[in-house]
Amino acid sequence: MATNNFKPFATGNGANVTTQSDYEALTALLSGFQAGKASSAQINKALRQGTVMAAMLGAFMNDRGIDAKDDGNLITLLANFKSALTSLSDTRYLGTANKLVEFLNAGSQAQADARFNIGCGAAATRNVGTATGNIPDMASFASLQSSSGYQQLPGGLVLQWINSTAPDGTTSGSVALPVAFSNQTLVAFICDSITTGSPSSFNLAWSINTTTRSSISWVATSAGVGAFTVLAIGR
C-alpha cells in the first residue's frame, strides 16, 4: 500500500480555527504575522490551509499507487507526482498523449453528442472528395474565366466554351479546347456569333466523328462562317 506522510492539521470537529470569512479579512494574509502575540486560531487556520492541500496531493499520488513521503527530497516528490498524473487512464479525462483516442473509444453516440455540444453540424462527419456524400474542396471547381475557358465540376464533368473565327473560304475545321477532357467529349454545341446585323444563312454543325478529347470539329454548308461559338461538355 502506498504511503502518504502528509497529514492535514486541525481538521477534527470543533478544531480551534478562525472562520473562513474572518481569515479572508486578515491583513496578515498580505503581510504575514508580525511581532507580538498571534491568535492560535489564526495560526491553526493557516496551517490547515497548507496541510490539507498537501495531504490531498499525497492522497492523489497514493490513489495511483505512488508514495508521497515527507523526507525532504523535493526532486523525488515532484517526479512521483508527475508519474501519478501521467498514469491517469480514467476515461472521464482526455489524454493528448493518446491523441484524444477517448473520443473514439466512447462510441458513436458519445461522438455525436460531443459534436452537437461544440456546435459541429453534419459536415463534421463528411470526407473531402468527389464521391457521393463527400464535401468537395475548391480544387474541384478549377476554372478559366475568359472569352474561351472552362469550369470543372466535382462529379468530373467539365464545361468548356470557345469563341473563334473560321478562316476565309473554309467549310470545316476544328478548334482546340482550353483543356483536354480526361476521358471523352460528351456533347458540343456550335452556333454563329454576331455583334450586329442578322445571323448567317448557312448551317453550322458539330462534327462528331472527327472530334477528339482536345479539340472540337465543325462543318458548315458554305464558306464564310466568320465568328462562331462552341459550348462543349465532357469528362
Protein backbone atom coordinates (compact mmCIF):
# COMPACT_ATOMS: atom_id res chain seq x y z
CA MET A 1 0.00 0.00 0.00
CA ALA A 2 1.32 3.42 -0.94
CA THR A 3 2.40 5.75 1.86
CA ASN A 4 1.23 9.33 2.44
CA ASN A 5 3.34 11.20 5.03
CA PHE A 6 1.45 14.46 4.52
CA LYS A 7 -1.27 14.82 7.13
CA PRO A 8 -3.93 17.51 7.40
CA PHE A 9 -3.75 19.71 10.51
CA ALA A 10 -6.69 20.87 12.66
CA THR A 11 -9.42 19.04 10.75
CA GLY A 12 -11.34 17.49 13.68
CA ASN A 13 -14.78 18.55 14.89
CA GLY A 14 -14.56 21.78 16.87
CA ALA A 15 -10.97 22.43 15.76
CA ASN A 16 -9.59 25.72 17.00
CA VAL A 17 -9.52 27.60 13.69
CA THR A 18 -10.77 31.03 12.75
CA THR A 19 -13.74 31.21 10.40
CA GLN A 20 -13.20 31.48 6.67
CA SER A 21 -14.70 34.96 6.47
CA ASP A 22 -12.50 36.22 9.34
CA TYR A 23 -9.46 34.59 7.77
CA GLU A 24 -10.08 36.26 4.42
CA ALA A 25 -10.37 39.61 6.19
CA LEU A 26 -6.97 39.28 7.92
CA THR A 27 -4.40 41.89 6.98
CA ALA A 28 -1.83 39.20 7.76
CA LEU A 29 -2.82 37.44 4.52
CA LEU A 30 -0.69 40.04 2.74
CA SER A 31 1.88 40.99 5.34
CA GLY A 32 2.16 37.79 7.38
CA PHE A 33 2.00 37.69 11.17
CA GLN A 34 4.11 40.50 12.66
CA ALA A 35 5.85 40.75 16.04
CA GLY A 36 3.62 40.16 19.03
CA LYS A 37 1.11 37.58 20.08
CA ALA A 38 -0.67 35.73 17.25
CA SER A 39 -4.07 34.12 17.65
CA SER A 40 -3.78 30.33 17.83
CA ALA A 41 -6.99 30.02 15.80
CA GLN A 42 -5.47 32.14 13.03
CA ILE A 43 -2.23 30.14 13.06
CA ASN A 44 -4.18 26.87 13.00
CA LYS A 45 -6.23 28.13 10.05
CA ALA A 46 -3.09 28.99 8.07
CA LEU A 47 -1.58 25.60 8.86
CA ARG A 48 -4.74 23.78 7.88
CA GLN A 49 -4.92 25.58 4.54
CA GLY A 50 -1.50 24.33 3.51
CA THR A 51 -1.57 20.89 5.12
CA VAL A 52 -4.97 19.92 3.71
CA MET A 53 -3.77 20.66 0.18
CA ALA A 54 -0.51 18.76 0.77
CA ALA A 55 -2.46 15.80 2.18
CA MET A 56 -4.86 15.90 -0.78
CA LEU A 57 -1.97 15.76 -3.28
CA GLY A 58 -0.44 12.90 -1.32
CA ALA A 59 -3.76 11.06 -1.36
CA PHE A 60 -3.94 11.55 -5.13
CA MET A 61 -0.48 10.00 -5.52
CA ASN A 62 -1.49 7.12 -3.25
CA ASP A 63 -4.58 6.57 -5.37
CA ARG A 64 -2.21 5.97 -8.31
CA GLY A 65 -0.16 3.56 -6.16
CA ILE A 66 2.72 6.01 -5.63
CA ASP A 67 4.30 7.06 -2.31
CA ALA A 68 4.17 10.65 -1.03
CA LYS A 69 6.96 10.80 1.54
CA ASP A 70 7.96 13.75 3.71
CA ASP A 71 11.70 13.10 3.62
CA GLY A 72 12.74 16.50 2.29
CA ASN A 73 13.53 15.11 -1.19
CA LEU A 74 11.69 17.57 -3.41
CA ILE A 75 13.05 16.08 -6.66
CA THR A 76 11.70 12.61 -5.89
CA LEU A 77 8.38 14.01 -4.68
CA LEU A 78 7.95 16.03 -7.87
CA ALA A 79 8.87 13.04 -10.05
CA ASN A 80 6.37 10.86 -8.21
CA PHE A 81 3.65 13.49 -8.62
CA LYS A 82 4.31 13.68 -12.38
CA SER A 83 4.17 9.89 -12.58
CA ALA A 84 0.80 9.95 -10.82
CA LEU A 85 -0.51 12.48 -13.35
CA THR A 86 0.70 10.56 -16.39
CA SER A 87 -0.67 7.27 -15.08
CA LEU A 88 -4.24 8.50 -15.30
CA SER A 89 -6.35 6.28 -17.52
CA ASP A 90 -9.75 7.43 -16.39
CA THR A 91 -11.95 7.74 -19.48
CA ARG A 92 -13.53 10.87 -18.00
CA TYR A 93 -10.39 12.76 -18.99
CA LEU A 94 -8.86 13.44 -22.38
CA GLY A 95 -5.24 12.41 -22.89
CA THR A 96 -3.29 14.30 -25.54
CA ALA A 97 -0.56 11.66 -25.37
CA ASN A 98 -3.08 9.25 -26.93
CA LYS A 99 -4.25 11.85 -29.48
CA LEU A 100 -7.69 12.11 -27.84
CA VAL A 101 -8.48 8.45 -28.58
CA GLU A 102 -11.03 8.66 -25.76
CA PHE A 103 -13.49 10.14 -28.29
CA LEU A 104 -13.08 7.07 -30.48
CA ASN A 105 -13.42 4.66 -27.57
CA ALA A 106 -16.54 6.38 -26.25
CA GLY A 107 -18.66 5.10 -29.15
CA SER A 108 -20.71 6.64 -31.94
CA GLN A 109 -23.44 8.13 -29.75
CA ALA A 110 -20.94 9.84 -27.44
CA GLN A 111 -19.13 11.17 -30.51
CA ALA A 112 -22.39 12.53 -31.93
CA ASP A 113 -23.21 14.17 -28.59
CA ALA A 114 -19.75 15.76 -28.44
CA ARG A 115 -20.13 17.18 -31.96
CA PHE A 116 -23.53 18.60 -31.02
CA ASN A 117 -22.20 20.14 -27.81
CA ILE A 118 -19.44 22.04 -29.63
CA GLY A 119 -21.71 23.14 -32.47
CA CYS A 120 -20.49 20.85 -35.28
CA GLY A 121 -23.05 20.20 -38.00
CA ALA A 122 -23.37 17.28 -40.40
CA ALA A 123 -20.32 18.46 -42.36
CA ALA A 124 -18.10 17.27 -39.49
CA THR A 125 -18.83 13.64 -40.45
CA ARG A 126 -18.18 14.04 -44.20
CA ASN A 127 -14.95 13.30 -46.05
CA VAL A 128 -13.44 15.68 -48.58
CA GLY A 129 -13.68 14.29 -52.10
CA THR A 130 -15.96 13.90 -55.10
CA ALA A 131 -17.83 10.69 -54.18
CA THR A 132 -21.47 10.66 -53.09
CA GLY A 133 -21.82 12.31 -49.70
CA ASN A 134 -18.36 13.91 -49.85
CA ILE A 135 -17.62 17.61 -49.48
CA PRO A 136 -15.66 18.91 -52.49
CA ASP A 137 -12.90 21.40 -51.90
CA MET A 138 -12.20 24.34 -54.19
CA ALA A 139 -9.73 22.28 -56.24
CA SER A 140 -12.82 20.52 -57.65
CA PHE A 141 -14.04 23.82 -59.09
CA ALA A 142 -10.99 24.83 -61.12
CA SER A 143 -11.85 27.28 -63.88
CA LEU A 144 -10.54 29.64 -66.55
CA GLN A 145 -12.89 32.58 -66.77
CA SER A 146 -12.11 34.28 -70.07
CA SER A 147 -13.60 34.52 -73.58
CA SER A 148 -12.51 30.91 -74.09
CA GLY A 149 -12.40 28.97 -70.85
CA TYR A 150 -13.70 26.13 -68.75
CA GLN A 151 -15.38 25.21 -65.47
CA GLN A 152 -14.69 21.91 -63.72
CA LEU A 153 -17.41 20.34 -61.54
CA PRO A 154 -16.89 17.95 -58.57
CA GLY A 155 -18.57 15.00 -60.27
CA GLY A 156 -15.99 15.01 -63.06
CA LEU A 157 -17.89 16.98 -65.70
CA VAL A 158 -16.13 19.90 -67.38
CA LEU A 159 -17.91 22.73 -69.21
CA GLN A 160 -15.85 24.49 -71.89
CA TRP A 161 -16.56 27.38 -74.21
CA ILE A 162 -14.65 28.74 -77.18
CA ASN A 163 -15.08 31.91 -79.20
CA SER A 164 -13.32 31.53 -82.54
CA THR A 165 -13.32 32.67 -86.16
CA ALA A 166 -13.19 30.34 -89.17
CA PRO A 167 -10.58 31.06 -91.87
CA ASP A 168 -11.99 32.61 -95.05
CA GLY A 169 -13.22 30.14 -97.63
CA THR A 170 -13.40 27.11 -95.30
CA THR A 171 -16.40 24.89 -94.69
CA SER A 172 -14.91 22.73 -91.95
CA GLY A 173 -12.27 22.82 -89.25
CA SER A 174 -11.51 22.26 -85.60
CA VAL A 175 -10.78 24.40 -82.56
CA ALA A 176 -8.61 23.42 -79.61
CA LEU A 177 -10.29 23.16 -76.23
CA PRO A 178 -8.83 25.27 -73.40
CA VAL A 179 -8.08 21.96 -71.59
CA ALA A 180 -8.31 18.42 -72.93
CA PHE A 181 -11.06 16.24 -71.47
CA SER A 182 -9.59 13.38 -69.46
CA ASN A 183 -11.95 10.74 -70.89
CA GLN A 184 -14.23 11.93 -73.67
CA THR A 185 -16.20 14.74 -75.22
CA LEU A 186 -19.86 14.08 -74.44
CA VAL A 187 -21.59 16.76 -76.46
CA ALA A 188 -20.83 20.05 -78.22
CA PHE A 189 -23.00 22.89 -79.46
CA ILE A 190 -21.83 25.27 -82.19
CA CYS A 191 -23.53 28.43 -83.30
CA ASP A 192 -22.91 31.56 -85.33
CA SER A 193 -21.65 34.62 -83.38
CA ILE A 194 -22.62 38.15 -84.34
CA THR A 195 -22.32 41.58 -82.81
CA THR A 196 -24.62 43.42 -85.24
CA GLY A 197 -26.83 42.51 -88.18
CA SER A 198 -28.57 39.22 -88.91
CA PRO A 199 -27.36 35.62 -88.44
CA SER A 200 -25.77 33.89 -91.42
CA SER A 201 -27.97 31.80 -93.70
CA PHE A 202 -25.81 28.66 -93.68
CA ASN A 203 -25.92 25.79 -91.24
CA LEU A 204 -23.06 25.21 -88.74
CA ALA A 205 -22.84 21.83 -87.01
CA TRP A 206 -20.69 19.76 -84.67
CA SER A 207 -18.69 17.09 -86.48
CA ILE A 208 -18.82 14.19 -84.03
CA ASN A 209 -16.59 11.65 -85.76
CA THR A 210 -13.55 13.90 -86.04
CA THR A 211 -13.85 15.48 -82.59
CA THR A 212 -11.19 14.45 -80.05
CA ARG A 213 -10.70 14.93 -76.30
CA SER A 214 -8.67 18.06 -77.04
CA SER A 215 -10.48 19.67 -79.98
CA ILE A 216 -13.98 20.17 -81.38
CA SER A 217 -14.57 19.69 -85.11
CA TRP A 218 -17.20 21.61 -87.07
CA VAL A 219 -18.69 21.69 -90.58
CA ALA A 220 -20.73 24.32 -92.42
CA THR A 221 -22.96 24.21 -95.52
CA SER A 222 -20.99 27.03 -97.16
CA ALA A 223 -17.88 29.13 -96.76
CA GLY A 224 -17.78 32.43 -94.95
CA VAL A 225 -18.55 31.18 -91.47
CA GLY A 226 -16.76 34.01 -89.70
CA ALA A 227 -17.12 34.17 -85.93
CA PHE A 228 -18.70 31.28 -84.05
CA THR A 229 -19.07 29.97 -80.50
CA VAL A 230 -18.63 26.44 -79.15
CA LEU A 231 -20.00 25.04 -75.90
CA ALA A 232 -18.64 21.58 -75.07
CA ILE A 233 -19.38 19.23 -72.18
CA GLY A 234 -17.08 16.32 -71.36
CA ARG A 235 -15.40 14.39 -68.60
